[in-house]
């Protein structure tokens, strides 16, 4: 940034680091600058969305995610994240539109890569939003067979099961996620609105508490806060 102050990606990266530390207001300043410098860039908009979502600034998040989706027409992450933002805004039509576009992009990917577990996981998110419950559960089983150790995938599948009210299955999926979670992950989980329906479940609280205790006893974690 000192050498090239107008490099949008540098401001976005700094914002991402601050956001991962839960310093969202500071992070937002960096993202605002990045968006001014490169309003249509994928990385810039994706990073800004990741700051706006935990701040529950869903309208701003949707705008960023839609621009990111337009920037890379094969990407399914941005539209997948947009689904929960539209739902938080009570925008059913917006959520349905995003879900249909996610599914279209995912299906294009898995025709070429049928073992692309993460794509299938985002397909599950879309299918849940489209109320295709049986198909969503079938895809969930398929994704778990393909990539049982992918914590990003398990997190997405867990959130989808929360949306379906399948709390026991969600907790089973979350267990390895929280067992390996780092501080930035827990910072995100504290504000992720897709977890709101399960947040007060004693079993979920226990997962969080175990993760916090593990990190509190980690030498790396202690060094980070020294």
Protein backbone atom coordinates (compact mmCIF):
# COMPACT_ATOMS: atom_id res chain seq x y z
CA UNK A 1 0.00 0.00 0.00
CA UNK A 2 2.91 2.35 0.68
CA UNK A 3 4.37 1.61 -2.75
CA UNK A 4 1.06 1.59 -4.63
CA UNK A 5 -1.70 3.29 -2.61
CA UNK A 6 -4.25 2.91 -5.41
CA UNK A 7 -4.02 -0.88 -5.54
CA UNK A 8 -7.58 -1.94 -4.72
CA UNK A 9 -6.67 -5.53 -3.88
CA UNK A 10 -4.25 -4.36 -1.18
CA UNK A 11 -6.96 -2.33 0.57
CA UNK A 12 -9.34 -5.29 0.25
CA UNK A 13 -6.74 -7.67 1.70
CA UNK A 14 -6.14 -5.40 4.67
CA UNK A 15 -9.88 -5.18 5.20
CA UNK A 16 -10.14 -8.98 5.09
CA UNK A 17 -7.42 -9.33 7.75
CA UNK A 18 -9.13 -6.81 10.01
CA UNK A 19 -12.50 -8.46 9.44
CA UNK A 20 -11.12 -11.88 10.35
CA UNK A 21 -10.05 -10.29 13.64
CA UNK A 22 -13.58 -9.00 14.21
CA UNK A 23 -12.54 -5.38 13.65
CA UNK A 24 -15.35 -4.77 11.19
CA UNK A 25 -15.65 -1.00 11.38
CA UNK A 26 -11.94 -0.63 10.60
CA UNK A 27 -12.21 -3.26 7.90
CA UNK A 28 -15.10 -1.41 6.29
CA UNK A 29 -12.90 1.64 5.73
CA UNK A 30 -10.48 -0.44 3.68
CA UNK A 31 -13.26 -2.08 1.69
CA UNK A 32 -14.84 1.29 0.94
CA UNK A 33 -11.54 2.48 -0.50
CA UNK A 34 -11.10 -0.75 -2.48
CA UNK A 35 -14.58 -0.47 -3.97
CA UNK A 36 -13.95 3.11 -4.99
CA UNK A 37 -10.75 2.07 -6.78
CA UNK A 38 -12.18 -1.07 -8.44
CA UNK A 39 -15.99 -1.09 -8.16
CA UNK A 40 -16.50 -4.15 -10.36
CA UNK A 41 -13.62 -6.37 -9.26
CA UNK A 42 -14.38 -9.86 -8.02
CA UNK A 43 -11.85 -10.01 -5.19
CA UNK A 44 -12.73 -6.52 -3.98
CA UNK A 45 -16.48 -7.19 -3.89
CA UNK A 46 -16.11 -10.67 -2.39
CA UNK A 47 -13.95 -9.31 0.44
CA UNK A 48 -16.35 -6.42 1.10
CA UNK A 49 -19.28 -8.82 1.22
CA UNK A 50 -17.49 -10.93 3.83
CA UNK A 51 -17.28 -7.79 5.99
CA UNK A 52 -20.85 -6.64 5.42
CA UNK A 53 -22.45 -10.01 6.21
CA UNK A 54 -21.29 -10.32 9.85
CA UNK A 55 -22.17 -6.65 10.31
CA UNK A 56 -25.65 -7.62 9.07
CA UNK A 57 -25.48 -4.97 6.36
CA UNK A 58 -27.33 -7.27 4.00
CA UNK A 59 -28.30 -4.76 1.31
CA UNK A 60 -24.67 -3.73 0.92
CA UNK A 61 -23.59 -7.39 0.97
CA UNK A 62 -26.07 -8.31 -1.77
CA UNK A 63 -24.83 -5.48 -3.97
CA UNK A 64 -21.23 -6.68 -3.57
CA UNK A 65 -22.10 -10.33 -4.14
CA UNK A 66 -24.11 -9.60 -7.28
CA UNK A 67 -21.21 -7.58 -8.69
CA UNK A 68 -18.81 -10.41 -7.85
CA UNK A 69 -21.12 -12.91 -9.55
CA UNK A 70 -21.23 -10.71 -12.64
CA UNK A 71 -17.44 -10.42 -12.69
CA UNK A 72 -16.87 -14.20 -12.85
CA UNK A 73 -19.78 -15.93 -14.54
CA UNK A 74 -18.67 -19.41 -13.48
CA UNK A 75 -18.42 -18.55 -9.78
CA UNK A 76 -21.05 -20.03 -7.49
CA UNK A 77 -19.76 -18.82 -4.11
CA UNK A 78 -20.97 -15.22 -4.42
CA UNK A 79 -24.51 -16.13 -5.44
CA UNK A 80 -24.55 -18.88 -2.81
CA UNK A 81 -23.74 -16.32 -0.13
CA UNK A 82 -26.30 -13.93 -1.61
CA UNK A 83 -29.08 -16.43 -0.89
CA UNK A 84 -28.81 -16.01 2.89
CA UNK A 85 -28.59 -12.22 2.51
CA UNK A 86 -31.73 -12.06 0.40
CA UNK A 87 -33.47 -14.31 2.92
CA UNK A 88 -32.35 -12.06 5.79
CA UNK A 89 -33.88 -9.11 3.93
CA UNK A 90 -37.14 -11.00 3.42
CA UNK A 91 -36.61 -10.79 -0.35
CA UNK A 92 -38.06 -14.11 -1.48
CA UNK A 93 -37.81 -13.32 -5.19
CA UNK A 94 -34.19 -12.28 -4.84
CA UNK A 95 -33.32 -15.43 -2.92
CA UNK A 96 -35.07 -17.64 -5.47
CA UNK A 97 -33.31 -15.92 -8.34
CA UNK A 98 -29.91 -16.32 -6.69
CA UNK A 99 -30.61 -19.99 -5.90
CA UNK A 100 -31.60 -20.77 -9.47
CA UNK A 101 -28.45 -19.14 -10.79
CA UNK A 102 -26.29 -21.00 -8.26
CA UNK A 103 -27.81 -24.30 -9.31
CA UNK A 104 -27.28 -23.51 -12.98
CA UNK A 105 -23.60 -22.72 -12.39
CA UNK A 106 -23.08 -25.74 -10.14
CA UNK A 107 -24.68 -28.10 -12.62
CA UNK A 108 -22.38 -26.75 -15.33
CA UNK A 109 -19.37 -27.49 -13.12
CA UNK A 110 -20.35 -31.01 -12.07
CA UNK A 111 -21.04 -32.08 -15.64
CA UNK A 112 -17.31 -31.65 -16.18
CA UNK A 113 -16.21 -32.50 -12.60
CA UNK A 114 -18.81 -34.86 -11.09
CA UNK A 115 -16.64 -35.29 -7.99
CA UNK A 116 -16.46 -31.54 -7.21
CA UNK A 117 -17.72 -31.80 -3.64
CA UNK A 118 -17.66 -28.09 -2.84
CA UNK A 119 -19.75 -27.27 -5.91
CA UNK A 120 -22.24 -29.95 -4.90
CA UNK A 121 -22.34 -28.41 -1.42
CA UNK A 122 -23.33 -25.03 -2.83
CA UNK A 123 -25.87 -26.87 -4.94
CA UNK A 124 -27.37 -28.16 -1.69
CA UNK A 125 -27.65 -24.56 -0.44
CA UNK A 126 -29.52 -23.66 -3.63
CA UNK A 127 -31.79 -26.70 -3.52
CA UNK A 128 -32.78 -25.96 0.08
CA UNK A 129 -33.67 -22.39 -0.90
CA UNK A 130 -35.74 -23.77 -3.79
CA UNK A 131 -37.51 -26.18 -1.39
CA UNK A 132 -36.23 -29.26 -3.24
CA UNK A 133 -35.68 -31.08 0.04
CA UNK A 134 -35.28 -34.68 -1.14
CA UNK A 135 -32.80 -33.68 -3.82
CA UNK A 136 -30.91 -31.53 -1.32
CA UNK A 137 -30.53 -34.50 1.04
CA UNK A 138 -29.37 -36.76 -1.81
CA UNK A 139 -26.74 -34.20 -2.84
CA UNK A 140 -25.67 -33.86 0.81
CA UNK A 141 -24.94 -37.58 1.04
CA UNK A 142 -23.06 -37.46 -2.26
CA UNK A 143 -20.93 -34.49 -1.17
CA UNK A 144 -20.02 -36.14 2.14
CA UNK A 145 -18.86 -39.28 0.33
CA UNK A 146 -16.70 -37.21 -2.02
CA UNK A 147 -15.02 -34.86 0.47
CA UNK A 148 -15.70 -35.98 4.06
CA UNK A 149 -12.78 -33.93 5.45
CA UNK A 150 -13.52 -30.62 3.69
CA UNK A 151 -14.55 -28.33 6.54
CA UNK A 152 -15.82 -25.58 4.22
CA UNK A 153 -18.10 -28.12 2.61
CA UNK A 154 -19.25 -29.55 5.94
CA UNK A 155 -20.01 -26.04 7.19
CA UNK A 156 -22.16 -25.30 4.14
CA UNK A 157 -23.97 -28.61 4.48
CA UNK A 158 -24.51 -28.02 8.19
CA UNK A 159 -26.02 -24.60 7.56
CA UNK A 160 -28.31 -26.14 4.94
CA UNK A 161 -29.49 -28.75 7.44
CA UNK A 162 -30.18 -25.95 9.94
CA UNK A 163 -32.38 -24.31 7.30
CA UNK A 164 -34.26 -27.59 6.92
CA UNK A 165 -34.67 -27.93 10.69
CA UNK A 166 -32.50 -31.07 10.71
CA UNK A 167 -30.59 -29.97 13.81
CA UNK A 168 -29.12 -33.34 14.80
CA UNK A 169 -27.65 -33.87 11.34
CA UNK A 170 -26.41 -30.27 11.32
CA UNK A 171 -24.59 -30.82 14.62
CA UNK A 172 -22.95 -33.99 13.29
CA UNK A 173 -21.69 -32.00 10.31
CA UNK A 174 -20.51 -29.11 12.48
CA UNK A 175 -18.56 -31.27 14.92
CA UNK A 176 -15.43 -31.69 12.76
CA UNK A 177 -15.75 -28.06 11.61
CA UNK A 178 -15.54 -26.72 15.16
CA UNK A 179 -12.90 -29.29 16.09
CA UNK A 180 -10.58 -27.65 13.53
CA UNK A 181 -11.88 -24.08 13.65
CA UNK A 182 -9.44 -21.24 14.14
CA UNK A 183 -10.14 -17.83 15.69
CA UNK A 184 -11.27 -16.18 12.39
CA UNK A 185 -13.74 -19.03 11.91
CA UNK A 186 -15.23 -18.56 15.37
CA UNK A 187 -15.42 -14.81 14.78
CA UNK A 188 -17.49 -15.52 11.66
CA UNK A 189 -19.67 -18.12 13.37
CA UNK A 190 -20.63 -15.66 16.12
CA UNK A 191 -22.50 -13.44 13.66
CA UNK A 192 -23.45 -15.78 10.79
CA UNK A 193 -27.22 -15.39 10.51
CA UNK A 194 -27.61 -18.87 9.02
CA UNK A 195 -26.69 -20.23 12.46
CA UNK A 196 -29.27 -18.17 14.36
CA UNK A 197 -31.86 -21.01 14.57
CA UNK A 198 -29.39 -23.35 16.29
CA UNK A 199 -27.41 -20.84 18.31
CA UNK A 200 -29.27 -21.51 21.59
CA UNK A 201 -29.13 -25.31 21.28
CA UNK A 202 -27.04 -26.63 24.22
CA UNK A 203 -25.30 -29.07 21.89
CA UNK A 204 -24.21 -26.25 19.59
CA UNK A 205 -23.08 -24.15 22.55
CA UNK A 206 -20.97 -27.09 23.67
CA UNK A 207 -19.23 -27.24 20.26
CA UNK A 208 -18.42 -23.54 20.50
CA UNK A 209 -17.16 -23.83 24.08
CA UNK A 210 -14.88 -26.75 23.21
CA UNK A 211 -13.44 -24.84 20.25
CA UNK A 212 -12.84 -21.77 22.41
CA UNK A 213 -11.15 -23.86 25.11
CA UNK A 214 -8.93 -25.57 22.54
CA UNK A 215 -7.84 -22.25 21.04
CA UNK A 216 -7.28 -20.70 24.47
CA UNK A 217 -4.79 -23.47 25.22
CA UNK A 218 -3.04 -23.26 21.85
CA UNK A 219 0.56 -21.93 21.93
CA UNK A 220 -0.02 -20.34 18.52
CA UNK A 221 -3.13 -18.59 19.80
CA UNK A 222 -1.26 -17.30 22.84
CA UNK A 223 1.50 -15.97 20.60
CA UNK A 224 -1.07 -14.24 18.37
CA UNK A 225 -2.41 -12.31 21.38
CA UNK A 226 0.94 -11.64 23.05
